[in-house]
Structures are given as structure tokens and as C-alpha cells.
Amino acid sequence: MDKAPLSTLIRIGSKLRPQGFHWLVTENGNTCALGAAYMAKYGEEPSAFSVNLNKALNIDDYWIDEITLRNDTFRKTREEIADWLESQGL
């Protein structure tokens, strides 16, 4: 999964757990779009306090902010977020 596009990682990770909001992994184990991508790439839960998403997912703050906005504020599904990222070349 190391070279997979971010949109693909989110699609794969979305199949692992239900969608969560406001945390990479919620207390009941659900994942946001970024948490899903991390799990697909690394096969383990990210630690919200120690993971550097920029490095781990090879994206800059702009994309992290945009994905978070779509997941947490607009409540887009992770698949909708993946579709949008794909249209952006990610």
C-alpha cells in the first residue's frame, strides 16, 4: 500500500470500520477519512497524539484540513471524500 493514492487508501480503510468524526479513531473504534487511510496503509490504528499525518500519508496541511472539513463539518462519507480526492489527482 506504500504507493497507493490517498483516495485508494481511504476507500480500503473505509471497509474496515464504520465512519467516525472528530478523531482519527473514536473511542468505539470508528475511523475518520484520515484514520481509515492510515489503517489501510499501516495495518494498525494511528495514535492521535503521536502520528505525523503529513509524513505518514505524504500530504501537506492543506489536504489534511480539507479532508477534516469534509469529514467532520460537512459529514461527507469517506467514499465521497475519496471521490473528491481522486478528482484532485490524489
N, C-alpha and C. Protein backbone atom coordinates (compact mmCIF):
# COMPACT_ATOMS: atom_id res chain seq x y z
N MET A 1 0.81 -1.20 0.00
CA MET A 1 0.00 0.00 0.00
C MET A 1 0.85 1.26 0.00
N ASP A 2 2.16 1.11 0.05
CA ASP A 2 3.04 2.26 0.21
C ASP A 2 2.87 3.31 -0.89
N LYS A 3 2.59 2.90 -2.11
CA LYS A 3 2.48 3.84 -3.23
C LYS A 3 1.04 4.10 -3.65
N ALA A 4 0.09 3.55 -2.94
CA ALA A 4 -1.32 3.73 -3.30
C ALA A 4 -1.74 5.18 -3.13
N PRO A 5 -2.57 5.70 -4.03
CA PRO A 5 -3.08 7.07 -3.86
C PRO A 5 -3.91 7.19 -2.58
N LEU A 6 -3.96 8.40 -2.06
CA LEU A 6 -4.72 8.66 -0.84
C LEU A 6 -6.18 8.25 -0.99
N SER A 7 -6.78 8.53 -2.14
CA SER A 7 -8.18 8.15 -2.36
C SER A 7 -8.37 6.64 -2.24
N THR A 8 -7.42 5.88 -2.75
CA THR A 8 -7.49 4.42 -2.66
C THR A 8 -7.36 3.96 -1.22
N LEU A 9 -6.43 4.56 -0.49
CA LEU A 9 -6.25 4.19 0.93
C LEU A 9 -7.53 4.45 1.72
N ILE A 10 -8.17 5.58 1.47
CA ILE A 10 -9.42 5.89 2.18
C ILE A 10 -10.49 4.87 1.83
N ARG A 11 -10.60 4.51 0.56
CA ARG A 11 -11.61 3.51 0.14
C ARG A 11 -11.36 2.16 0.83
N ILE A 12 -10.12 1.74 0.88
CA ILE A 12 -9.79 0.46 1.52
C ILE A 12 -10.06 0.53 3.02
N GLY A 13 -9.58 1.59 3.65
CA GLY A 13 -9.77 1.75 5.09
C GLY A 13 -11.22 1.90 5.49
N SER A 14 -12.04 2.45 4.60
CA SER A 14 -13.47 2.61 4.88
C SER A 14 -14.20 1.29 5.04
N LYS A 15 -13.63 0.25 4.46
CA LYS A 15 -14.25 -1.07 4.54
C LYS A 15 -13.92 -1.78 5.86
N LEU A 16 -12.96 -1.23 6.60
CA LEU A 16 -12.51 -1.88 7.82
C LEU A 16 -13.36 -1.56 9.05
N ARG A 17 -13.83 -0.30 9.11
CA ARG A 17 -14.58 0.14 10.29
C ARG A 17 -15.60 1.20 9.90
N PRO A 18 -16.63 1.40 10.71
CA PRO A 18 -17.59 2.48 10.43
C PRO A 18 -16.92 3.85 10.52
N GLN A 19 -17.59 4.83 9.95
CA GLN A 19 -17.05 6.19 9.95
C GLN A 19 -17.18 6.84 11.32
N GLY A 20 -16.14 7.57 11.67
CA GLY A 20 -16.13 8.34 12.90
C GLY A 20 -15.88 9.80 12.60
N PHE A 21 -16.04 10.62 13.62
CA PHE A 21 -15.91 12.06 13.45
C PHE A 21 -15.08 12.66 14.59
N HIS A 22 -14.28 13.64 14.27
CA HIS A 22 -13.51 14.45 15.20
C HIS A 22 -12.29 13.78 15.81
N TRP A 23 -12.04 12.55 15.50
CA TRP A 23 -10.85 11.83 15.95
C TRP A 23 -10.41 10.90 14.83
N LEU A 24 -9.12 10.61 14.77
CA LEU A 24 -8.65 9.62 13.79
C LEU A 24 -9.33 8.28 14.05
N VAL A 25 -9.36 7.89 15.32
CA VAL A 25 -10.08 6.69 15.75
C VAL A 25 -10.87 7.08 16.99
N THR A 26 -12.18 6.88 16.95
CA THR A 26 -13.02 7.23 18.10
C THR A 26 -12.87 6.18 19.20
N GLU A 27 -13.41 6.49 20.36
CA GLU A 27 -13.29 5.54 21.48
C GLU A 27 -13.97 4.21 21.20
N ASN A 28 -14.95 4.19 20.27
CA ASN A 28 -15.57 2.91 19.92
C ASN A 28 -14.95 2.29 18.67
N GLY A 29 -13.83 2.86 18.20
CA GLY A 29 -13.06 2.24 17.12
C GLY A 29 -13.40 2.68 15.71
N ASN A 30 -14.32 3.62 15.55
CA ASN A 30 -14.64 4.12 14.21
C ASN A 30 -13.51 5.04 13.73
N THR A 31 -13.36 5.16 12.41
CA THR A 31 -12.30 5.99 11.86
C THR A 31 -12.84 7.09 10.96
N CYS A 32 -12.18 8.24 11.02
CA CYS A 32 -12.47 9.30 10.06
C CYS A 32 -11.76 8.94 8.75
N ALA A 33 -11.87 9.79 7.76
CA ALA A 33 -11.25 9.52 6.46
C ALA A 33 -9.73 9.36 6.60
N LEU A 34 -9.10 10.24 7.38
CA LEU A 34 -7.65 10.15 7.55
C LEU A 34 -7.25 8.92 8.37
N GLY A 35 -8.04 8.60 9.38
CA GLY A 35 -7.78 7.39 10.16
C GLY A 35 -7.93 6.14 9.31
N ALA A 36 -8.91 6.13 8.42
CA ALA A 36 -9.11 5.00 7.51
C ALA A 36 -7.92 4.83 6.58
N ALA A 37 -7.43 5.96 6.04
CA ALA A 37 -6.26 5.90 5.15
C ALA A 37 -5.04 5.35 5.88
N TYR A 38 -4.84 5.82 7.10
CA TYR A 38 -3.70 5.35 7.90
C TYR A 38 -3.80 3.85 8.14
N MET A 39 -4.97 3.39 8.54
CA MET A 39 -5.14 1.95 8.81
C MET A 39 -4.91 1.11 7.56
N ALA A 40 -5.37 1.61 6.42
CA ALA A 40 -5.15 0.86 5.17
C ALA A 40 -3.67 0.77 4.83
N LYS A 41 -2.95 1.85 5.09
CA LYS A 41 -1.53 1.88 4.73
C LYS A 41 -0.65 1.10 5.71
N TYR A 42 -0.96 1.20 7.00
CA TYR A 42 -0.07 0.62 8.01
C TYR A 42 -0.63 -0.61 8.74
N GLY A 43 -1.91 -0.88 8.58
CA GLY A 43 -2.49 -2.06 9.21
C GLY A 43 -2.66 -1.95 10.71
N GLU A 44 -2.63 -0.73 11.23
CA GLU A 44 -2.82 -0.52 12.67
C GLU A 44 -3.47 0.84 12.90
N GLU A 45 -4.00 1.00 14.09
CA GLU A 45 -4.64 2.28 14.44
C GLU A 45 -3.60 3.36 14.61
N PRO A 46 -3.90 4.56 14.11
CA PRO A 46 -2.99 5.68 14.38
C PRO A 46 -3.20 6.20 15.79
N SER A 47 -2.16 6.71 16.39
CA SER A 47 -2.28 7.37 17.68
C SER A 47 -2.46 8.86 17.42
N ALA A 48 -3.58 9.40 17.82
CA ALA A 48 -3.88 10.80 17.55
C ALA A 48 -2.84 11.73 18.15
N PHE A 49 -2.11 11.28 19.13
CA PHE A 49 -1.17 12.15 19.82
C PHE A 49 0.27 12.00 19.35
N SER A 50 0.55 10.97 18.54
CA SER A 50 1.94 10.79 18.15
C SER A 50 2.15 10.63 16.64
N VAL A 51 1.09 10.47 15.88
CA VAL A 51 1.27 10.26 14.45
C VAL A 51 1.40 11.60 13.73
N ASN A 52 2.33 11.68 12.81
CA ASN A 52 2.51 12.85 11.96
C ASN A 52 1.86 12.50 10.62
N LEU A 53 0.63 12.96 10.41
CA LEU A 53 -0.10 12.60 9.20
C LEU A 53 0.58 13.12 7.94
N ASN A 54 1.23 14.27 8.03
CA ASN A 54 1.94 14.80 6.86
C ASN A 54 2.94 13.76 6.34
N LYS A 55 3.71 13.22 7.27
CA LYS A 55 4.72 12.23 6.92
C LYS A 55 4.10 10.86 6.62
N ALA A 56 3.20 10.45 7.46
CA ALA A 56 2.62 9.11 7.33
C ALA A 56 1.84 8.92 6.03
N LEU A 57 1.11 9.96 5.62
CA LEU A 57 0.28 9.85 4.41
C LEU A 57 0.84 10.66 3.24
N ASN A 58 1.98 11.30 3.46
CA ASN A 58 2.66 12.08 2.43
C ASN A 58 1.76 13.17 1.83
N ILE A 59 1.14 13.95 2.73
CA ILE A 59 0.28 15.06 2.31
C ILE A 59 0.59 16.28 3.17
N ASP A 60 0.26 17.45 2.65
CA ASP A 60 0.52 18.66 3.43
C ASP A 60 -0.72 19.09 4.21
N ASP A 61 -0.54 20.13 5.02
CA ASP A 61 -1.61 20.59 5.90
C ASP A 61 -2.89 20.99 5.16
N TYR A 62 -2.74 21.54 3.96
CA TYR A 62 -3.92 21.93 3.18
C TYR A 62 -4.86 20.75 3.01
N TRP A 63 -4.32 19.61 2.58
CA TRP A 63 -5.16 18.43 2.33
C TRP A 63 -5.72 17.87 3.63
N ILE A 64 -4.93 17.88 4.69
CA ILE A 64 -5.43 17.41 5.98
C ILE A 64 -6.62 18.27 6.41
N ASP A 65 -6.48 19.58 6.30
CA ASP A 65 -7.56 20.49 6.67
C ASP A 65 -8.81 20.28 5.81
N GLU A 66 -8.63 20.13 4.51
CA GLU A 66 -9.77 19.94 3.60
C GLU A 66 -10.49 18.61 3.85
N ILE A 67 -9.73 17.56 4.09
CA ILE A 67 -10.32 16.25 4.38
C ILE A 67 -11.07 16.30 5.71
N THR A 68 -10.46 16.91 6.71
CA THR A 68 -11.10 17.03 8.02
C THR A 68 -12.39 17.84 7.92
N LEU A 69 -12.37 18.93 7.19
CA LEU A 69 -13.57 19.75 6.98
C LEU A 69 -14.69 18.93 6.36
N ARG A 70 -14.37 18.18 5.33
CA ARG A 70 -15.39 17.38 4.65
C ARG A 70 -15.91 16.25 5.55
N ASN A 71 -15.02 15.64 6.33
CA ASN A 71 -15.42 14.54 7.20
C ASN A 71 -16.23 15.04 8.41
N ASP A 72 -15.69 16.01 9.13
CA ASP A 72 -16.26 16.40 10.42
C ASP A 72 -17.34 17.48 10.33
N THR A 73 -17.18 18.43 9.44
CA THR A 73 -18.14 19.54 9.35
C THR A 73 -19.25 19.25 8.35
N PHE A 74 -18.86 18.86 7.14
CA PHE A 74 -19.85 18.61 6.09
C PHE A 74 -20.45 17.21 6.17
N ARG A 75 -19.85 16.34 7.00
CA ARG A 75 -20.32 14.96 7.18
C ARG A 75 -20.42 14.19 5.87
N LYS A 76 -19.45 14.40 4.99
CA LYS A 76 -19.37 13.62 3.75
C LYS A 76 -18.93 12.21 4.12
N THR A 77 -19.38 11.23 3.36
CA THR A 77 -18.90 9.88 3.60
C THR A 77 -17.44 9.80 3.18
N ARG A 78 -16.76 8.80 3.68
CA ARG A 78 -15.35 8.64 3.30
C ARG A 78 -15.24 8.33 1.82
N GLU A 79 -16.23 7.65 1.25
CA GLU A 79 -16.22 7.38 -0.18
C GLU A 79 -16.38 8.66 -0.99
N GLU A 80 -17.23 9.57 -0.52
CA GLU A 80 -17.39 10.87 -1.18
C GLU A 80 -16.09 11.67 -1.10
N ILE A 81 -15.44 11.60 0.02
CA ILE A 81 -14.15 12.28 0.18
C ILE A 81 -13.13 11.67 -0.76
N ALA A 82 -13.10 10.35 -0.86
CA ALA A 82 -12.19 9.68 -1.78
C ALA A 82 -12.47 10.08 -3.23
N ASP A 83 -13.75 10.18 -3.59
CA ASP A 83 -14.10 10.62 -4.95
C ASP A 83 -13.55 12.01 -5.22
N TRP A 84 -13.73 12.92 -4.25
CA TRP A 84 -13.24 14.28 -4.41
C TRP A 84 -11.71 14.29 -4.53
N LEU A 85 -11.04 13.54 -3.67
CA LEU A 85 -9.57 13.49 -3.75
C LEU A 85 -9.11 12.94 -5.10
N GLU A 86 -9.79 11.92 -5.59
CA GLU A 86 -9.44 11.36 -6.89
C GLU A 86 -9.56 12.41 -7.98
N SER A 87 -10.61 13.24 -7.89
CA SER A 87 -10.79 14.31 -8.89
C SER A 87 -9.69 15.37 -8.78
N GLN A 88 -9.01 15.41 -7.64
CA GLN A 88 -7.90 16.34 -7.43
C GLN A 88 -6.54 15.70 -7.74
N GLY A 89 -6.57 14.46 -8.20
CA GLY A 89 -5.34 13.76 -8.53
C GLY A 89 -4.68 13.06 -7.38
N LEU A 90 -5.41 12.91 -6.29
CA LEU A 90 -4.87 12.22 -5.12
C LEU A 90 -5.60 10.91 -4.89
